[in-house]
Protein backbone atom coordinates (compact mmCIF):
# COMPACT_ATOMS: atom_id res chain seq x y z
CA MET A 1 0.00 0.00 -0.02
CA GLN A 2 1.35 3.45 -0.92
CA GLU A 3 1.99 6.12 1.62
CA PRO A 4 -0.70 8.92 1.37
CA ASP A 5 1.98 11.68 0.95
CA VAL A 6 3.73 9.73 -1.89
CA THR A 7 0.40 9.25 -3.70
CA ALA A 8 -0.62 12.91 -3.13
CA TYR A 9 2.72 14.18 -4.57
CA ARG A 10 2.15 12.08 -7.63
CA LEU A 11 -1.30 13.60 -7.98
CA LEU A 12 0.31 17.05 -7.77
CA HIS A 13 1.95 16.37 -11.08
CA GLU A 14 -1.40 15.40 -12.49
CA LEU A 15 -2.78 18.62 -11.07
CA ASP A 16 -0.09 20.55 -12.92
CA ASP A 17 -1.30 19.04 -16.15
CA ARG A 18 -4.93 19.78 -15.37
CA PHE A 19 -4.06 23.44 -14.53
CA ASP A 20 -2.11 23.77 -17.69
CA HIS A 21 -5.11 22.45 -19.58
CA LEU A 22 -7.36 24.93 -17.82
CA VAL A 23 -5.21 27.94 -18.71
CA GLY A 24 -4.90 26.66 -22.28
CA THR A 25 -8.66 26.34 -22.60
CA ILE A 26 -9.14 29.85 -21.20
CA GLU A 27 -6.60 31.25 -23.75
CA THR A 28 -8.50 29.41 -26.56
CA ALA A 29 -11.77 31.08 -25.41
CA LEU A 30 -10.08 34.46 -25.08
CA ALA A 31 -8.56 34.20 -28.60
CA LEU A 32 -12.05 33.40 -29.98
CA TYR A 33 -13.66 36.25 -28.03
CA GLU A 34 -10.96 38.77 -29.04
CA ARG A 35 -11.20 37.74 -32.69
CA GLN A 36 -15.02 37.98 -32.72
CA ARG A 37 -15.54 40.89 -30.37
CA PRO A 38 -19.12 39.79 -29.59
CA ALA A 39 -21.58 42.27 -28.06
CA THR A 40 -20.71 42.57 -24.33
CA TRP A 41 -22.41 44.35 -21.41
CA VAL A 42 -20.45 44.99 -18.19
CA LEU A 43 -22.05 46.35 -15.00
CA HIS A 44 -21.74 50.14 -15.03
CA GLN A 45 -19.19 50.25 -17.81
CA PRO A 46 -20.45 52.26 -20.81
CA THR A 47 -17.38 51.22 -22.78
CA VAL A 48 -16.11 47.73 -22.12
CA ASP A 49 -12.39 47.54 -21.78
CA SER A 50 -10.86 45.15 -24.37
CA ASP A 51 -8.97 43.26 -21.61
CA TRP A 52 -11.90 42.98 -19.23
CA LEU A 53 -12.76 39.37 -20.05
CA ARG A 54 -9.07 38.35 -19.95
CA HIS A 55 -8.70 39.91 -16.52
CA ALA A 56 -11.89 38.19 -15.35
CA LEU A 57 -11.00 34.70 -16.46
CA LEU A 58 -7.39 34.75 -15.28
CA ASP A 59 -8.05 36.37 -11.91
CA MET A 60 -7.19 33.33 -9.74
CA TRP A 61 -5.03 34.68 -6.93
CA HIS A 62 -5.36 36.24 -3.50
CA GLN A 63 -4.85 39.97 -3.08
CA GLU A 64 -2.97 41.30 -0.12
CA GLY A 65 -5.30 41.25 2.93
CA GLN A 66 -8.18 39.52 1.13
CA ASP A 67 -10.35 37.18 3.17
CA GLY A 68 -10.02 33.71 1.76
CA ARG A 69 -13.76 33.34 1.82
CA GLU A 70 -14.27 36.40 -0.47
CA THR A 71 -14.19 36.28 -4.20
CA ARG A 72 -14.01 39.16 -6.63
CA ASN A 73 -17.00 39.57 -8.98
CA TYR A 74 -17.07 40.22 -12.69
CA VAL A 75 -20.75 40.88 -13.53
CA GLY A 76 -21.29 40.97 -17.36
CA VAL A 77 -23.26 39.50 -20.18
CA ILE A 78 -21.75 38.24 -23.48
CA ALA A 79 -23.75 37.43 -26.65
CA ALA A 80 -21.95 34.20 -27.65
CA ASP A 81 -22.20 32.08 -30.78
CA GLU A 82 -22.04 28.27 -30.61
CA PRO A 83 -18.28 27.87 -30.83
CA LEU A 84 -17.74 30.30 -28.02
CA ILE A 85 -20.38 28.60 -25.84
CA GLU A 86 -18.72 25.31 -26.43
CA THR A 87 -15.35 26.66 -25.42
CA VAL A 88 -16.79 28.12 -22.24
CA GLY A 89 -18.27 24.74 -21.49
CA ALA A 90 -14.80 23.21 -21.87
CA ILE A 91 -13.49 25.71 -19.37
CA ASN A 92 -16.08 24.62 -16.88
CA HIS A 93 -15.16 20.95 -17.40
CA ALA A 94 -11.51 21.75 -16.74
CA LYS A 95 -12.44 23.67 -13.58
CA THR A 96 -14.43 20.68 -12.27
CA ALA A 97 -11.50 18.33 -13.03
CA ILE A 98 -9.23 20.59 -10.97
CA SER A 99 -11.68 20.91 -8.10
CA GLU A 100 -12.20 17.16 -7.87
CA LEU A 101 -8.44 16.39 -7.89
CA ILE A 102 -7.70 19.11 -5.31
CA GLN A 103 -10.33 17.61 -2.96
CA LYS A 104 -8.64 14.21 -3.44
CA ILE A 105 -5.15 15.60 -2.67
CA LYS A 106 -6.58 17.42 0.38
CA ALA A 107 -8.03 14.21 1.72
CA LEU A 108 -4.78 12.31 1.15
CA SER A 109 -2.19 14.74 2.48
CA PRO A 110 -2.58 18.19 4.18
CA LYS A 111 1.12 18.76 3.51
CA ALA A 112 0.73 18.30 -0.29
CA PHE A 113 -2.48 20.37 -0.22
CA GLY A 114 -0.54 23.26 1.32
CA GLU A 115 1.73 23.41 -1.70
CA ILE A 116 -1.02 23.80 -4.26
CA LYS A 117 -1.54 27.55 -3.82
CA HIS A 118 2.17 28.23 -4.24
CA ARG A 119 3.04 25.94 -7.17
CA LEU A 120 0.12 26.32 -9.57
CA PRO A 121 0.59 30.07 -10.24
CA GLN A 122 3.98 29.34 -11.59
CA ARG A 123 2.45 27.20 -14.33
CA HIS A 124 1.41 30.19 -16.44
CA PRO A 125 3.55 33.17 -17.38
CA HIS A 126 0.64 35.68 -17.20
CA VAL A 127 -0.23 34.74 -13.63
CA ASP A 128 3.45 34.42 -12.68
CA ASN A 129 4.24 37.95 -13.97
CA VAL A 130 1.30 39.46 -12.02
CA LEU A 131 2.50 37.69 -8.87
CA ARG A 132 6.02 39.06 -9.26
CA ARG A 133 4.87 42.60 -9.84
CA SER A 134 2.33 42.72 -7.11
CA GLY A 135 3.79 40.42 -4.45
CA PHE A 136 0.78 38.14 -4.50
CA ALA A 137 1.84 34.61 -3.69
CA ARG A 138 -1.16 32.29 -3.37
CA LEU A 139 -3.72 30.87 -5.69
CA HIS A 140 -7.31 31.61 -4.74
CA LEU A 141 -8.86 28.15 -5.16
CA LYS A 142 -12.52 29.33 -5.19
CA GLN A 143 -11.73 31.81 -7.93
CA CYS A 144 -9.83 29.08 -9.77
CA TRP A 145 -12.59 26.53 -10.01
CA ARG A 146 -15.80 28.60 -9.94
CA HIS A 147 -17.84 28.05 -13.13
CA LEU A 148 -18.77 30.48 -15.80
CA PRO A 149 -22.53 30.72 -16.12
CA ILE A 150 -24.11 29.73 -19.46
CA ALA A 151 -27.73 30.36 -20.35
CA GLU A 152 -29.52 27.23 -21.61
CA ALA A 153 -31.16 29.01 -24.53
CA PRO A 154 -31.43 32.48 -26.16
CA VAL A 155 -32.70 35.14 -23.79
CA SER A 156 -34.89 38.17 -24.49
CA ARG A 157 -34.24 40.05 -21.25
CA ILE A 158 -32.21 39.85 -18.02
CA ARG A 159 -33.22 41.43 -14.77
CA LEU A 160 -30.30 41.79 -12.30
CA ALA A 161 -30.66 42.50 -8.60
CA TRP A 162 -28.47 42.17 -5.50
CA TYR A 163 -29.40 39.41 -3.16
CA SER A 164 -28.13 40.34 0.37
CA SER A 165 -30.16 37.97 2.51
CA GLY A 166 -28.36 34.76 1.79
CA ARG A 167 -27.15 32.45 4.56
CA SER A 168 -25.99 28.89 4.98
CA ILE A 169 -27.40 26.74 7.84
CA LYS A 170 -25.66 23.66 9.20
CA ARG A 171 -27.43 21.39 11.57
CA LEU A 172 -25.49 20.35 14.63
CA SER A 173 -26.07 18.04 17.58
CA VAL A 174 -25.53 19.26 21.12
CA GLN A 175 -22.42 17.06 21.30
CA GLU A 176 -20.99 18.52 18.04
CA ALA A 177 -21.66 22.09 19.41
CA GLU A 178 -19.85 21.16 22.64
CA GLN A 179 -16.84 19.89 20.74
CA LYS A 180 -16.67 23.23 18.86
CA LEU A 181 -16.83 25.18 22.02
CA MET A 182 -14.09 23.12 23.59
CA GLN A 183 -11.82 24.14 20.85
CA LEU A 184 -12.09 27.78 22.06
CA ASP A 185 -10.47 29.24 25.25
CA THR A 186 -12.53 27.30 27.82
CA GLU A 187 -11.13 29.56 30.61
CA ALA A 188 -12.73 32.55 29.09
CA PRO A 189 -15.94 33.63 31.01
CA HIS A 190 -18.07 33.96 27.86
CA VAL A 191 -17.15 30.47 26.70
CA ARG A 192 -17.88 29.02 30.15
CA ILE A 193 -21.32 30.67 30.10
CA GLN A 194 -22.05 29.13 26.69
CA LEU A 195 -20.94 25.66 27.87
CA ARG A 196 -23.41 25.92 30.81
CA LYS A 197 -26.21 27.00 28.46
CA LEU A 198 -25.40 24.10 26.20
CA ALA A 199 -25.42 21.65 29.19
CA ALA A 200 -29.00 22.71 29.95
CA LEU A 201 -30.27 21.42 26.59
CA PRO A 202 -31.56 17.88 25.97
CA SER A 203 -28.83 15.85 24.30
CA SER A 204 -31.23 14.92 21.55
CA GLU A 205 -31.88 18.58 20.48
CA ILE A 206 -30.67 19.68 17.03
CA LEU A 207 -29.15 23.10 16.71
CA ALA A 208 -28.42 25.39 13.75
CA GLN A 209 -25.11 27.04 12.90
CA VAL A 210 -25.73 30.08 10.70
CA GLN A 211 -23.28 31.74 8.37
CA ALA A 212 -24.22 34.90 6.54
CA GLN A 213 -23.22 34.78 2.90
CA ALA A 214 -21.64 37.61 0.93
CA PRO A 215 -24.06 39.61 -1.31
CA LEU A 216 -24.71 37.99 -4.64
CA MET A 217 -25.77 39.36 -7.97
CA ARG A 218 -28.89 37.46 -9.00
CA ALA A 219 -29.94 37.23 -12.62
CA ASN A 220 -33.44 36.46 -13.79
CA LEU A 221 -33.36 35.14 -17.31
CA PHE A 222 -36.43 35.44 -19.53
CA PHE A 223 -36.02 33.00 -22.46
CA THR A 224 -37.04 33.87 -25.99
CA GLU A 225 -38.94 30.57 -26.19
CA PRO A 226 -40.00 28.25 -23.45
CA LEU A 227 -37.54 25.46 -22.64
CA LEU A 228 -38.33 21.78 -23.25
CA ASP A 229 -39.39 21.48 -19.57
CA GLY A 230 -41.87 24.25 -20.10
CA HIS A 231 -40.01 26.91 -18.05
CA SER A 232 -39.81 30.36 -19.60
CA ARG A 233 -37.49 31.91 -17.11
CA ARG A 234 -34.58 30.91 -14.86
CA ALA A 235 -32.76 32.57 -11.94
CA LEU A 236 -29.05 32.11 -11.20
CA ASN A 237 -26.17 33.78 -9.47
CA ILE A 238 -23.63 35.48 -11.72
CA ALA A 239 -20.30 36.25 -9.99
CA MET A 240 -18.63 35.70 -13.39
CA PRO A 241 -19.55 36.78 -16.99
CA LEU A 242 -22.79 35.22 -18.16
CA PHE A 243 -22.66 33.74 -21.68
CA VAL A 244 -25.95 33.74 -23.56
CA PRO A 245 -26.58 31.96 -26.86
CA ALA A 246 -27.13 34.71 -29.47
CA PRO A 247 -27.76 33.47 -32.98
CA ASP A 248 -28.52 37.06 -34.06
CA GLN A 249 -25.34 38.34 -32.22
CA ARG A 250 -27.39 40.73 -30.18
CA LEU A 251 -27.48 41.16 -26.43
CA PRO A 252 -30.75 40.73 -24.54
CA HIS A 253 -32.09 43.77 -22.67
CA VAL A 254 -30.27 44.14 -19.37
CA ASN A 255 -31.21 46.47 -16.54
CA SER A 256 -28.57 48.37 -14.47
CA PRO A 257 -28.68 47.59 -10.75
CA PRO A 258 -26.67 49.62 -8.19
CA VAL A 259 -22.90 49.09 -8.28
CA GLN A 260 -22.81 48.15 -4.59
CA PRO A 261 -25.21 45.85 -2.78
CA PRO A 262 -27.58 47.32 -0.12
CA LEU A 263 -26.14 47.60 3.40
CA GLU A 264 -29.10 46.01 5.06
CA ARG A 265 -31.29 42.94 4.43
CA THR A 266 -33.61 43.58 1.51
CA ARG A 267 -36.12 40.82 2.01
CA ALA A 268 -38.67 40.65 4.77
CA LYS A 269 -38.16 37.78 7.24
CA ARG A 270 -40.37 34.81 6.52
CA ARG A 271 -43.35 34.32 8.76
CA ASP A 272 -42.45 30.62 9.03
CA GLU A 273 -38.91 31.40 10.24
CA LYS A 274 -37.79 28.11 11.93
CA LEU A 275 -34.93 29.66 14.03
CA GLU A 276 -35.24 31.61 17.23
CA HIS A 277 -34.61 35.36 16.85
CA ASP A 278 -31.77 35.53 19.32
CA VAL A 279 -28.47 33.62 18.93
CA TYR A 280 -28.06 30.87 21.59
CA LEU A 281 -24.25 30.41 21.38
CA PRO A 282 -22.88 33.70 20.03
CA SER A 283 -19.24 32.50 19.62
CA LEU A 284 -20.34 29.85 17.17
CA ARG A 285 -23.40 31.66 15.62
CA ILE A 286 -25.55 28.72 16.83
CA TYR A 287 -29.32 29.14 17.15
CA ARG A 288 -32.10 26.98 18.58
CA TYR A 289 -35.01 25.89 16.41
CA ARG A 290 -38.35 27.21 17.43
CA GLN A 291 -40.37 24.70 19.44
């Protein structure tokens, strides 16, 4: 049986090849885009910079002081013909292949996983040059493997709006919550108070750990003709340029939302909200479900 680290380091070489393939696929799409110059709309840019898409697709590194959970957004719409759509689909396949292999390496060897963010940027001259000029040193994995949105069919209009109310909810047992609290400073008074509160709960109770999500640009697509499943519209998040099939080479009508998301929640709370209003364990953002 092979040692996990040995196997992981062999997979790193395979990852090099997959990353090279991704960058090559991106360059193919960019060459096609730059040759065609298809109609392009970019959020609050009356004139689209010729290098905008190149910068968007090759932006795969951390900036100084950037939170690793944050990603930079490139909101735009591109009227794409069939060859460009196919090439963008190939980019997404390459991104999926990288994501799957990185997760495999991470599971095998944390040591090898730690090298990924430092070695992959050196695989491509454009990225390497930017790193040298700016001092950036680490690949941003989320920005590396996030997919480019592709509309399923021609679109007549697109309505964009910021969605600022998103959150992820993870269900936890009382025992799992206790384990998380024990990883904190258990001598701190506020942690001890939370441990006592947790001890007062039935061991069978299920809790909810809530994580607020960064604001997202939401796109509502109105298709020119209904899809085969009968749907005439579709909603999706677009942190990256949206490619829409455009046989007539024309952009659909796109509204112009604010450049920045609203500072406060924009949606009313649901009447059937399942969580209590007040956080039960503040250090872990854990709530109780309403009884």
